[in-house]
């Protein structure tokens, strides 16, 4: 359900973003002339600026003037005022054909005007001055902050309504997208809290949150005035967010696609990104482009390796990486960055959703398997072979020692009584499980005339575990073990716990019946794993292995 909704929303967002990329106005960079000094006549159209400089220089805290000419190719429609948008560093007054049409801060008084003004500022051009033809823009400027920075002056002449609305429309679309990724980040973080073993879930949540922040910071300038003295702070934040996303996305793919030597190569990749970031610091857009290109190359290598190894779900990711190349070459940088990250995050989401779906199917299958194995286990206890051997042993004991025969009957009755009590339960106290194991060992002692001993350490009687899992492992130990020289097989259960997990270690101290035989999962181990999945989903580990003095089973349950 969530995945289908996300796909539909993503399609709408892409459509809106692509449509919003259509330029309603064009940023112009006309020939610009500079002159340090201050004279009101420099605003006049007939004032000659042919001997002015092409470079701003360093006016320190003095006033300087900027002049440029723009051309309107048609007369405006009636009652649709034209506007002038200026991208510039500094406080300035704006003259259009000698007429003062507005100001951004107070030139010359920047050190005492509490940082008034914005980096991007729009002004209305009077109707009588916005006619077809060539026009002069003159700016009286001071640049008290970042005096050595010469970012130039960009201007847009267009319908004033377009100048105001177009950035806000684009921002609204992108913020809807940001909101979707913010909710996604919260959702998957909660999933990770409930299952802390799934590290890719945490990575995707973190990447979604970083992308949410990147969109917010990228478009914050359209609705919060930013003084030019604070302009680089925003660019630094964008660079850091891009750095983190560029690192984490390839790491995510390397985990999901089991990239060989992942830890070594991701460490090398991290160092490479650090070098790119610090060696190019201060070239903000250039730095982020290099980071994104590095991310693309690293992701392409990882995904290409997965395609070569014929892993599932890799062709789609590779196709998305190729689409990102088209975005980078044919779309405006800011838009291509947002769309590229969006597509990559959707790929991450797609892979994760398929993985979660598979885990869910495995869990549902385990429930069916648990029921089947439970019945098989019960049938195994009452099958004719088991009953025949047990009754034969019972007859022998009754004939040889009636008192021991009575104890045998009592042990057998207790075993079936305990099995009957726990058969339909999901979890039982471990004390009850231990009683079941001890009862079973008591029966086998009479049947096989071997001494079976049980000991446990660190057990909390209130802890609960799935029924009959230790009983099953004990039975496996008897099947595959042979007694020592004292005709004894010992079982030791050790319980340990910490803040992350609790561990049960069951040791069978005995010889191995067939040491060279490869022992595979039989009905017993399958039952144990199915029961653990039923009760703990994926938050468990089970290890069963030979040791020098017998066999060891380790069950780890994660919190």
Protein backbone atom coordinates (compact mmCIF):
# COMPACT_ATOMS: atom_id res chain seq x y z
CA UNK A 1 0.00 0.00 0.00
CA UNK A 2 2.70 2.49 1.01
CA UNK A 3 4.84 1.56 -1.98
CA UNK A 4 1.99 2.01 -4.47
CA UNK A 5 1.07 5.39 -2.96
CA UNK A 6 4.68 6.49 -3.09
CA UNK A 7 4.97 5.53 -6.77
CA UNK A 8 1.86 7.54 -7.69
CA UNK A 9 3.00 10.58 -5.72
CA UNK A 10 6.47 10.37 -7.24
CA UNK A 11 5.04 10.38 -10.76
CA UNK A 12 2.99 13.49 -9.95
CA UNK A 13 5.99 15.21 -8.39
CA UNK A 14 8.19 14.46 -11.37
CA UNK A 15 5.56 15.79 -13.74
CA UNK A 16 5.13 18.97 -11.73
CA UNK A 17 8.85 19.48 -11.36
CA UNK A 18 9.52 19.01 -15.06
CA UNK A 19 6.68 21.36 -15.97
CA UNK A 20 7.93 23.92 -13.48
CA UNK A 21 11.34 23.84 -15.16
CA UNK A 22 9.92 25.79 -18.08
CA UNK A 23 11.45 29.24 -17.79
CA UNK A 24 8.98 32.11 -17.57
CA UNK A 25 11.92 34.47 -17.64
CA UNK A 26 15.55 34.38 -18.65
CA UNK A 27 18.49 35.54 -16.53
CA UNK A 28 20.48 38.08 -18.53
CA UNK A 29 24.17 38.86 -18.11
CA UNK A 30 24.64 42.04 -20.14
CA UNK A 31 27.93 43.86 -20.49
CA UNK A 32 28.55 45.48 -17.10
CA UNK A 33 30.68 48.53 -16.36
CA UNK A 34 32.00 49.59 -12.92
CA UNK A 35 33.29 52.83 -11.48
CA UNK A 36 34.37 53.53 -7.90
CA UNK A 37 33.03 56.83 -6.60
CA UNK A 38 29.68 58.49 -6.17
CA UNK A 39 28.01 60.94 -8.50
CA UNK A 40 24.30 61.31 -9.16
CA UNK A 41 24.88 62.12 -12.82
CA UNK A 42 26.06 58.52 -13.38
CA UNK A 43 22.42 57.46 -13.31
CA UNK A 44 21.65 59.48 -16.43
CA UNK A 45 21.25 57.75 -19.80
CA UNK A 46 23.44 60.22 -21.63
CA UNK A 47 26.31 59.80 -19.18
CA UNK A 48 29.23 58.15 -20.95
CA UNK A 49 30.57 54.96 -19.32
CA UNK A 50 32.81 53.80 -22.14
CA UNK A 51 35.90 54.46 -20.03
CA UNK A 52 34.53 52.57 -17.02
CA UNK A 53 36.18 49.36 -15.89
CA UNK A 54 35.01 45.86 -16.76
CA UNK A 55 36.05 44.70 -13.26
CA UNK A 56 34.61 45.77 -9.93
CA UNK A 57 37.97 45.90 -8.20
CA UNK A 58 38.02 46.38 -4.43
CA UNK A 59 36.18 49.53 -3.41
CA UNK A 60 36.50 48.62 0.30
CA UNK A 61 33.60 50.36 2.02
CA UNK A 62 33.23 53.10 -0.59
CA UNK A 63 30.30 53.63 -2.94
CA UNK A 64 30.68 52.39 -6.51
CA UNK A 65 28.38 52.45 -9.51
CA UNK A 66 27.31 49.72 -11.94
CA UNK A 67 25.80 50.38 -15.35
CA UNK A 68 24.37 47.96 -17.92
CA UNK A 69 21.96 48.05 -20.84
CA UNK A 70 19.08 45.66 -21.49
CA UNK A 71 16.64 45.39 -24.36
CA UNK A 72 12.88 44.82 -24.23
CA UNK A 73 11.77 43.13 -27.43
CA UNK A 74 8.07 43.94 -27.14
CA UNK A 75 5.71 46.28 -25.36
CA UNK A 76 4.03 44.88 -22.23
CA UNK A 77 0.38 43.94 -22.22
CA UNK A 78 -2.00 46.48 -20.66
CA UNK A 79 -2.34 46.30 -16.87
CA UNK A 80 0.50 43.79 -16.58
CA UNK A 81 3.35 45.61 -14.85
CA UNK A 82 6.89 44.62 -15.75
CA UNK A 83 9.48 43.84 -13.13
CA UNK A 84 13.23 43.78 -12.68
CA UNK A 85 14.88 41.02 -10.63
CA UNK A 86 18.48 41.59 -9.56
CA UNK A 87 20.94 38.99 -8.28
CA UNK A 88 23.75 40.86 -6.55
CA UNK A 89 25.99 41.22 -3.50
CA UNK A 90 25.66 44.55 -1.72
CA UNK A 91 23.28 47.29 -0.76
CA UNK A 92 22.12 49.33 -3.73
CA UNK A 93 19.72 51.82 -5.27
CA UNK A 94 18.23 50.91 -8.66
CA UNK A 95 17.79 53.45 -11.46
CA UNK A 96 15.89 52.51 -14.62
CA UNK A 97 16.39 55.11 -17.34
CA UNK A 98 17.46 57.67 -14.70
CA UNK A 99 14.39 56.98 -12.52
CA UNK A 100 14.91 55.55 -9.04
CA UNK A 101 12.62 52.51 -8.88
CA UNK A 102 13.73 51.02 -5.56
CA UNK A 103 16.49 50.16 -3.12
CA UNK A 104 17.89 47.10 -1.43
CA UNK A 105 19.41 48.23 1.86
CA UNK A 106 21.09 51.59 2.25
CA UNK A 107 24.33 52.00 0.26
CA UNK A 108 27.18 53.35 2.35
CA UNK A 109 25.43 52.64 5.65
CA UNK A 110 25.63 48.84 5.66
CA UNK A 111 27.64 48.72 8.87
CA UNK A 112 24.83 50.39 10.81
CA UNK A 113 21.65 49.34 8.97
CA UNK A 114 21.36 45.92 10.67
CA UNK A 115 21.98 43.98 7.46
CA UNK A 116 18.95 45.13 5.52
CA UNK A 117 18.35 43.84 2.00
CA UNK A 118 18.39 40.52 0.17
CA UNK A 119 20.57 38.68 -2.33
CA UNK A 120 17.65 38.47 -4.80
CA UNK A 121 15.36 41.49 -5.02
CA UNK A 122 12.49 42.32 -7.38
CA UNK A 123 11.34 45.82 -8.40
CA UNK A 124 8.35 47.09 -10.38
CA UNK A 125 9.18 49.06 -13.52
CA UNK A 126 6.80 51.99 -14.15
CA UNK A 127 4.58 51.36 -17.19
CA UNK A 128 5.82 54.47 -18.97
CA UNK A 129 9.41 53.22 -18.75
CA UNK A 130 8.82 49.57 -19.73
CA UNK A 131 8.39 50.09 -23.45
CA UNK A 132 10.05 48.21 -26.28
CA UNK A 133 13.66 49.20 -26.88
CA UNK A 134 16.98 49.62 -25.09
CA UNK A 135 17.07 50.72 -21.46
CA UNK A 136 19.76 51.66 -18.96
CA UNK A 137 20.05 50.08 -15.52
CA UNK A 138 22.29 51.98 -13.10
CA UNK A 139 23.04 50.78 -9.59
CA UNK A 140 24.54 52.84 -6.78
CA UNK A 141 26.20 50.15 -4.67
CA UNK A 142 28.25 49.48 -1.56
CA UNK A 143 29.63 46.07 -0.58
CA UNK A 144 30.69 46.25 3.05
CA UNK A 145 30.75 42.44 3.50
CA UNK A 146 32.77 40.02 1.33
CA UNK A 147 34.52 42.97 -0.29
CA UNK A 148 36.85 40.80 -2.35
CA UNK A 149 34.02 38.71 -3.77
CA UNK A 150 32.89 39.61 -7.26
CA UNK A 151 29.87 37.45 -8.04
CA UNK A 152 28.74 39.78 -10.78
CA UNK A 153 25.23 41.07 -11.38
CA UNK A 154 22.44 39.01 -12.92
CA UNK A 155 19.19 40.61 -14.02
CA UNK A 156 15.81 39.36 -15.19
CA UNK A 157 13.26 41.59 -16.91
CA UNK A 158 9.85 39.96 -17.10
CA UNK A 159 6.23 40.17 -16.05
CA UNK A 160 6.34 41.20 -12.39
CA UNK A 161 3.77 38.56 -11.46
CA UNK A 162 6.00 35.87 -12.99
CA UNK A 163 9.00 37.16 -11.06
CA UNK A 164 7.12 36.73 -7.78
CA UNK A 165 5.07 33.60 -8.48
CA UNK A 166 7.41 31.33 -10.47
CA UNK A 167 9.91 30.68 -7.64
CA UNK A 168 7.07 30.12 -5.16
CA UNK A 169 5.32 27.63 -7.47
CA UNK A 170 8.54 25.69 -7.91
CA UNK A 171 9.18 25.83 -4.16
CA UNK A 172 5.68 24.54 -3.37
CA UNK A 173 6.17 21.51 -5.62
CA UNK A 174 9.59 20.70 -4.23
CA UNK A 175 8.40 21.13 -0.64
CA UNK A 176 5.60 18.62 -1.25
CA UNK A 177 8.37 16.27 -2.34
CA UNK A 178 10.41 17.21 0.74
CA UNK A 179 7.42 16.46 2.97
CA UNK A 180 7.02 13.02 1.39
CA UNK A 181 10.66 12.19 2.11
CA UNK A 182 10.41 13.58 5.64
CA UNK A 183 7.48 11.26 6.41
CA UNK A 184 9.37 8.41 4.72
CA UNK A 185 12.40 9.10 6.93
CA UNK A 186 10.25 8.97 10.08
CA UNK A 187 8.46 5.78 8.96
CA UNK A 188 11.63 3.86 8.20
CA UNK A 189 13.37 5.13 11.33
CA UNK A 190 10.53 3.67 13.38
CA UNK A 191 10.95 0.41 11.43
CA UNK A 192 14.64 0.43 12.33
CA UNK A 193 13.87 1.04 16.02
CA UNK A 194 11.69 -2.06 15.96
CA UNK A 195 14.36 -4.10 14.16
CA UNK A 196 17.82 -2.70 14.77
CA UNK A 197 19.55 -5.43 12.81
CA UNK A 198 18.33 -3.97 9.52
CA UNK A 199 21.05 -1.35 8.91
CA UNK A 200 19.94 -0.55 5.30
CA UNK A 201 16.61 0.64 6.74
CA UNK A 202 18.48 3.15 8.94
CA UNK A 203 20.62 4.25 5.98
CA UNK A 204 17.56 4.87 3.82
CA UNK A 205 15.85 6.78 6.63
CA UNK A 206 18.93 8.95 7.12
CA UNK A 207 19.33 9.61 3.38
CA UNK A 208 15.65 10.58 3.11
CA UNK A 209 16.04 13.01 6.01
CA UNK A 210 19.20 14.54 4.52
CA UNK A 211 17.42 14.95 1.19
CA UNK A 212 14.52 16.63 2.97
CA UNK A 213 16.98 19.08 4.55
CA UNK A 214 18.72 19.65 1.21
CA UNK A 215 15.47 20.65 -0.48
CA UNK A 216 14.53 22.96 2.40
CA UNK A 217 17.91 24.72 2.39
CA UNK A 218 18.11 24.88 -1.41
CA UNK A 219 14.80 26.74 -1.75
CA UNK A 220 14.73 28.63 1.54
CA UNK A 221 15.93 31.79 -0.25
CA UNK A 222 12.58 32.15 -2.01
CA UNK A 223 10.57 32.80 1.13
CA UNK A 224 13.09 33.85 3.80
CA UNK A 225 15.14 36.99 3.01
CA UNK A 226 18.87 36.17 3.07
CA UNK A 227 21.33 39.02 3.38
CA UNK A 228 24.32 38.64 1.11
CA UNK A 229 26.67 38.50 4.12
CA UNK A 230 24.98 35.20 5.11
CA UNK A 231 24.78 33.84 1.58
CA UNK A 232 27.75 31.48 1.89
CA UNK A 233 26.40 29.89 5.05
CA UNK A 234 23.56 28.40 3.03
CA UNK A 235 25.99 27.18 0.36
CA UNK A 236 28.21 25.55 3.02
CA UNK A 237 25.21 23.69 4.44
CA UNK A 238 24.21 22.53 0.95
CA UNK A 239 27.76 21.30 0.37
CA UNK A 240 27.82 19.31 3.62
CA UNK A 241 24.42 17.74 2.93
CA UNK A 242 25.48 16.84 -0.61
CA UNK A 243 28.70 15.33 0.75
CA UNK A 244 26.81 13.10 3.20
CA UNK A 245 24.23 11.99 0.62
CA UNK A 246 26.96 11.33 -1.96
CA UNK A 247 28.70 9.06 0.51
CA UNK A 248 25.70 7.20 1.95
CA UNK A 249 23.93 6.29 -1.30
CA UNK A 250 26.84 4.17 -2.66
CA UNK A 251 27.28 2.64 0.83
CA UNK A 252 23.62 1.63 0.78
CA UNK A 253 23.96 0.00 -2.65
CA UNK A 254 27.18 -1.75 -1.58
CA UNK A 255 25.34 -3.35 1.36
CA UNK A 256 22.22 -4.29 -0.57
CA UNK A 257 24.18 -5.79 -3.46
CA UNK A 258 26.92 -7.41 -1.32
CA UNK A 259 29.77 -5.55 -3.00
CA UNK A 260 33.09 -7.40 -2.41
CA UNK A 261 35.63 -5.79 -0.05
CA UNK A 262 32.98 -3.24 0.86
CA UNK A 263 34.58 -1.83 4.01
CA UNK A 264 37.96 -1.15 2.42
CA UNK A 265 36.51 0.43 -0.72
CA UNK A 266 33.96 2.58 1.12
CA UNK A 267 36.76 3.88 3.37
CA UNK A 268 38.76 4.80 0.26
CA UNK A 269 35.67 6.43 -1.27
CA UNK A 270 35.08 8.48 1.89
CA UNK A 271 38.67 9.77 1.81
CA UNK A 272 38.25 10.65 -1.89
CA UNK A 273 35.11 12.67 -1.13
CA UNK A 274 36.91 14.48 1.71
CA UNK A 275 39.71 15.44 -0.67
CA UNK A 276 37.23 16.69 -3.26
CA UNK A 277 35.34 18.68 -0.65
CA UNK A 278 38.32 20.39 1.02
CA UNK A 279 40.46 20.95 -2.09
CA UNK A 280 37.53 22.65 -3.85
CA UNK A 281 36.02 24.39 -0.85
CA UNK A 282 34.77 27.83 -1.79
CA UNK A 283 33.79 26.76 -5.32
CA UNK A 284 30.35 25.80 -4.12
CA UNK A 285 28.42 24.68 -7.19
CA UNK A 286 31.57 23.17 -8.71
CA UNK A 287 32.23 21.20 -5.49
CA UNK A 288 28.72 19.78 -5.31
CA UNK A 289 28.90 18.80 -8.99
CA UNK A 290 32.14 16.90 -8.35
CA UNK A 291 30.57 15.18 -5.34
CA UNK A 292 27.52 14.15 -7.34
CA UNK A 293 29.67 12.87 -10.21
CA UNK A 294 31.75 10.84 -7.73
CA UNK A 295 28.56 9.42 -6.25
CA UNK A 296 27.33 8.49 -9.72
CA UNK A 297 30.59 6.74 -10.64
CA UNK A 298 30.76 4.84 -7.33
CA UNK A 299 27.12 3.78 -7.59
CA UNK A 300 27.57 2.74 -11.23
CA UNK A 301 30.57 0.55 -10.32
CA UNK A 302 28.65 -1.14 -7.49
CA UNK A 303 25.48 -1.66 -9.51
CA UNK A 304 27.44 -2.73 -12.60
CA UNK A 305 29.19 -5.37 -10.51
CA UNK A 306 25.81 -6.57 -9.24
CA UNK A 307 24.46 -6.74 -12.81
CA UNK A 308 27.51 -8.77 -13.83
CA UNK A 309 26.81 -11.17 -10.94
CA UNK A 310 23.17 -11.33 -12.11
CA UNK A 311 21.67 -10.13 -8.85
CA UNK A 312 17.99 -9.29 -8.85
CA UNK A 313 16.62 -5.73 -9.11
CA UNK A 314 19.87 -4.32 -10.51
CA UNK A 315 18.81 -3.45 -14.07
CA UNK A 316 16.30 -0.87 -12.79
CA UNK A 317 18.94 0.85 -10.66
CA UNK A 318 21.40 0.91 -13.55
CA UNK A 319 18.73 2.43 -15.82
CA UNK A 320 18.07 5.16 -13.23
CA UNK A 321 21.78 5.99 -13.08
CA UNK A 322 21.79 6.41 -16.86
CA UNK A 323 18.70 8.65 -16.68
CA UNK A 324 20.56 10.80 -14.14
CA UNK A 325 23.23 11.43 -16.77
CA UNK A 326 20.53 12.88 -19.05
CA UNK A 327 19.26 15.07 -16.21
CA UNK A 328 22.77 16.35 -15.58
CA UNK A 329 23.37 17.26 -19.22
CA UNK A 330 20.01 18.67 -20.28
CA UNK A 331 18.45 20.23 -17.18
CA UNK A 332 19.31 23.20 -15.06
CA UNK A 333 21.74 22.27 -12.25
CA UNK A 334 19.44 22.80 -9.25
CA UNK A 335 16.60 20.86 -10.89
CA UNK A 336 18.87 18.05 -12.10
CA UNK A 337 20.30 17.70 -8.58
CA UNK A 338 16.84 17.37 -7.00
CA UNK A 339 15.55 14.98 -9.66
CA UNK A 340 18.70 12.83 -9.57
CA UNK A 341 18.61 12.42 -5.81
CA UNK A 342 14.86 11.79 -5.94
CA UNK A 343 15.24 8.98 -8.48
CA UNK A 344 18.12 7.40 -6.56
CA UNK A 345 16.18 7.51 -3.30
CA UNK A 346 13.18 5.97 -5.03
CA UNK A 347 15.47 3.18 -6.25
CA UNK A 348 16.66 2.68 -2.69
CA UNK A 349 13.05 2.64 -1.56
CA UNK A 350 12.14 0.12 -4.26
CA UNK A 351 14.93 -2.27 -3.26
CA UNK A 352 14.06 -1.91 0.41
CA UNK A 353 10.35 -2.44 -0.22
CA UNK A 354 11.05 -5.66 -2.12
CA UNK A 355 13.35 -6.79 0.67
CA UNK A 356 10.70 -6.10 3.32
CA UNK A 357 8.13 -7.89 1.19
CA UNK A 358 10.37 -10.96 1.01
CA UNK A 359 10.91 -10.83 4.76
CA UNK A 360 7.16 -10.66 5.27
CA UNK A 361 6.59 -13.64 2.99
CA UNK A 362 9.32 -15.55 4.84
CA UNK A 363 7.63 -14.74 8.14
CA UNK A 364 4.23 -15.88 6.89
CA UNK A 365 5.81 -19.04 5.50
CA UNK A 366 7.48 -19.66 8.86
CA UNK A 367 4.07 -19.59 10.58
CA UNK A 368 2.83 -22.33 8.24
CA UNK A 369 6.08 -24.22 8.61
CA UNK A 370 5.95 -23.94 12.39
CA UNK A 371 2.50 -25.52 12.49
CA UNK A 372 3.60 -28.33 10.20
CA UNK A 373 6.81 -29.01 12.12
CA UNK A 374 4.99 -28.83 15.43
CA UNK A 375 2.66 -31.57 14.32
CA UNK A 376 5.57 -33.57 12.94
CA UNK A 377 7.38 -33.22 16.24
CA UNK A 378 4.32 -34.39 18.14
CA UNK A 379 3.84 -37.30 15.72
CA UNK A 380 7.46 -38.22 16.24
CA UNK A 381 6.79 -38.61 19.94
CA UNK A 382 3.81 -40.88 19.47
CA UNK A 383 4.84 -42.74 16.34
CA UNK A 384 4.81 -46.56 16.56
CA UNK A 385 8.61 -46.82 16.44
CA UNK A 386 9.03 -44.50 19.42
CA UNK A 387 6.19 -46.13 21.36
CA UNK A 388 7.38 -49.65 20.54
CA UNK A 389 10.92 -49.00 21.76
CA UNK A 390 9.68 -47.19 24.85
CA UNK A 391 7.16 -49.91 25.75
CA UNK A 392 9.76 -52.63 25.15
CA UNK A 393 12.13 -50.87 27.55
CA UNK A 394 9.26 -50.42 30.00
CA UNK A 395 8.44 -54.16 29.95
CA UNK A 396 12.08 -55.00 30.63
CA UNK A 397 12.24 -52.60 33.58
CA UNK A 398 8.94 -53.86 35.05
CA UNK A 399 10.22 -57.44 34.90
CA UNK A 400 13.68 -56.62 36.29
CA UNK A 401 12.81 -53.87 38.77
CA UNK A 402 9.15 -52.97 39.29
CA UNK A 403 10.07 -49.86 41.28
CA UNK A 404 12.24 -48.56 38.42
CA UNK A 405 9.46 -49.45 36.00
CA UNK A 406 7.06 -47.26 37.98
CA UNK A 407 9.52 -44.36 37.77
CA UNK A 408 9.83 -44.95 34.01
CA UNK A 409 6.05 -44.76 33.66
CA UNK A 410 5.95 -41.56 35.73
CA UNK A 411 8.69 -39.99 33.57
CA UNK A 412 6.84 -40.95 30.39
CA UNK A 413 3.57 -39.55 31.74
CA UNK A 414 5.27 -36.30 32.72
CA UNK A 415 6.81 -35.96 29.23
CA UNK A 416 3.46 -36.30 27.46
CA UNK A 417 1.74 -34.05 30.01
CA UNK A 418 4.29 -31.27 29.46
CA UNK A 419 4.10 -31.66 25.66
CA UNK A 420 0.33 -31.40 25.87
CA UNK A 421 0.58 -28.18 27.94
CA UNK A 422 2.96 -26.35 25.60
CA UNK A 423 1.96 -27.65 22.16
CA UNK A 424 -0.33 -24.71 21.25
CA UNK A 425 1.61 -21.92 22.99
CA UNK A 426 3.84 -19.36 21.28
CA UNK A 427 6.11 -18.74 24.29
CA UNK A 428 6.56 -20.58 27.58
CA UNK A 429 8.67 -19.89 30.71
CA UNK A 430 12.16 -21.28 30.32
CA UNK A 431 11.73 -23.10 33.62
CA UNK A 432 8.97 -25.16 31.99
CA UNK A 433 11.21 -25.84 28.98
CA UNK A 434 13.98 -27.05 31.29
CA UNK A 435 11.54 -29.40 33.04
CA UNK A 436 10.59 -30.80 29.61
CA UNK A 437 14.27 -31.43 28.78
CA UNK A 438 14.93 -33.07 32.14
CA UNK A 439 11.85 -35.26 31.74
CA UNK A 440 13.00 -36.34 28.27
CA UNK A 441 16.48 -37.16 29.56
CA UNK A 442 14.90 -39.21 32.34
CA UNK A 443 13.01 -41.30 29.75
CA UNK A 444 16.10 -41.80 27.59
CA UNK A 445 18.09 -42.85 30.63
CA UNK A 446 15.75 -45.82 31.10
CA UNK A 447 15.52 -46.56 27.37
CA UNK A 448 19.22 -46.48 26.48
CA UNK A 449 20.69 -47.20 29.93
CA UNK A 450 23.04 -44.27 29.52
CA UNK A 451 23.60 -41.61 32.15
CA UNK A 452 22.26 -38.24 30.94
CA UNK A 453 22.99 -35.22 33.17
CA UNK A 454 21.68 -31.67 32.96
CA UNK A 455 23.04 -28.42 34.41
CA UNK A 456 22.18 -24.77 33.82
CA UNK A 457 23.73 -21.45 34.74
CA UNK A 458 22.42 -17.86 34.91
CA UNK A 459 18.85 -18.83 34.11
CA UNK A 460 16.07 -16.31 34.82
CA UNK A 461 12.93 -18.43 35.40
CA UNK A 462 10.69 -15.57 34.25
CA UNK A 463 12.25 -15.39 30.77
CA UNK A 464 10.19 -16.95 27.99
CA UNK A 465 11.22 -18.84 24.86
CA UNK A 466 9.37 -20.74 22.11
CA UNK A 467 8.28 -24.20 23.31
CA UNK A 468 10.32 -27.36 22.69
CA UNK A 469 13.30 -25.67 21.00
CA UNK A 470 15.78 -26.70 23.71
CA UNK A 471 14.02 -30.07 23.92
CA UNK A 472 14.60 -30.50 20.17
CA UNK A 473 18.29 -29.60 20.48
CA UNK A 474 18.69 -32.05 23.36
CA UNK A 475 17.14 -34.77 21.21
CA UNK A 476 19.58 -33.88 18.39
CA UNK A 477 22.45 -34.14 20.87
CA UNK A 478 21.36 -37.65 21.90
CA UNK A 479 20.92 -38.72 18.26
CA UNK A 480 24.35 -37.54 17.10
CA UNK A 481 26.31 -38.04 20.33
CA UNK A 482 27.94 -41.06 21.94
CA UNK A 483 28.68 -41.39 25.67
CA UNK A 484 32.14 -40.92 27.12
CA UNK A 485 34.17 -43.56 28.95
CA UNK A 486 31.90 -43.11 31.99
CA UNK A 487 28.86 -43.95 29.81
CA UNK A 488 27.63 -40.37 30.23
CA UNK A 489 26.37 -37.55 28.01
CA UNK A 490 26.16 -34.13 29.68
CA UNK A 491 24.07 -31.12 28.69
CA UNK A 492 24.94 -27.61 29.94
CA UNK A 493 22.70 -24.57 29.36
CA UNK A 494 24.28 -21.12 29.89
CA UNK A 495 22.32 -17.87 29.79
CA UNK A 496 24.01 -14.48 29.18
CA UNK A 497 22.51 -11.08 28.42
CA UNK A 498 23.50 -7.46 27.78
CA UNK A 499 21.81 -4.26 26.63
CA UNK A 500 21.50 -5.52 23.03
CA UNK A 501 20.68 -9.23 23.22
CA UNK A 502 20.25 -12.34 25.33
CA UNK A 503 22.05 -15.59 24.51
CA UNK A 504 21.35 -19.24 25.34
CA UNK A 505 24.24 -21.64 24.79
CA UNK A 506 23.41 -25.36 24.98
CA UNK A 507 26.48 -27.59 25.03
CA UNK A 508 26.32 -31.32 24.44
CA UNK A 509 29.43 -32.80 26.06
CA UNK A 510 29.91 -36.13 24.33
CA UNK A 511 31.60 -37.81 21.40
CA UNK A 512 30.32 -37.33 17.84
CA UNK A 513 28.79 -40.43 16.32
CA UNK A 514 30.04 -39.71 12.77
CA UNK A 515 32.68 -36.94 13.05
CA UNK A 516 33.35 -36.78 9.30
CA UNK A 517 29.71 -36.63 8.25
CA UNK A 518 28.38 -33.25 7.14
CA UNK A 519 25.29 -32.64 9.26
CA UNK A 520 22.62 -30.59 7.52
CA UNK A 521 19.47 -29.03 8.90
CA UNK A 522 16.91 -31.71 9.60
CA UNK A 523 13.41 -31.49 10.98
CA UNK A 524 14.74 -30.52 14.41
CA UNK A 525 16.77 -27.45 13.36
CA UNK A 526 14.04 -26.41 10.93
CA UNK A 527 11.57 -26.50 13.78
CA UNK A 528 13.87 -24.37 15.97
CA UNK A 529 14.35 -21.74 13.24
CA UNK A 530 10.65 -21.64 12.37
CA UNK A 531 9.73 -21.17 16.02
CA UNK A 532 12.28 -18.37 16.43
CA UNK A 533 11.01 -16.59 13.29
CA UNK A 534 7.41 -16.95 14.47
CA UNK A 535 8.18 -15.33 17.84
CA UNK A 536 10.99 -12.85 17.00
CA UNK A 537 10.71 -12.30 13.20
CA UNK A 538 14.28 -11.44 12.07
CA UNK A 539 15.65 -10.49 15.48
CA UNK A 540 17.48 -13.72 16.23
CA UNK A 541 20.50 -15.81 15.32
CA UNK A 542 20.97 -19.56 15.57
CA UNK A 543 24.31 -21.33 15.28
CA UNK A 544 24.89 -25.07 15.59
CA UNK A 545 28.42 -26.45 15.27
CA UNK A 546 30.82 -29.21 16.29
CA UNK A 547 33.35 -28.58 19.05
CA UNK A 548 36.32 -30.50 20.39
CA UNK A 549 34.24 -32.02 23.18
CA UNK A 550 30.87 -32.40 21.50
CA UNK A 551 28.32 -30.05 20.03
CA UNK A 552 27.31 -26.43 20.73
CA UNK A 553 24.03 -24.67 19.90
CA UNK A 554 23.83 -20.90 20.35
CA UNK A 555 20.51 -19.02 20.25
CA UNK A 556 20.79 -15.20 20.27
CA UNK A 557 17.67 -13.07 20.75
CA UNK A 558 17.98 -9.33 19.99
CA UNK A 559 15.99 -6.65 21.79
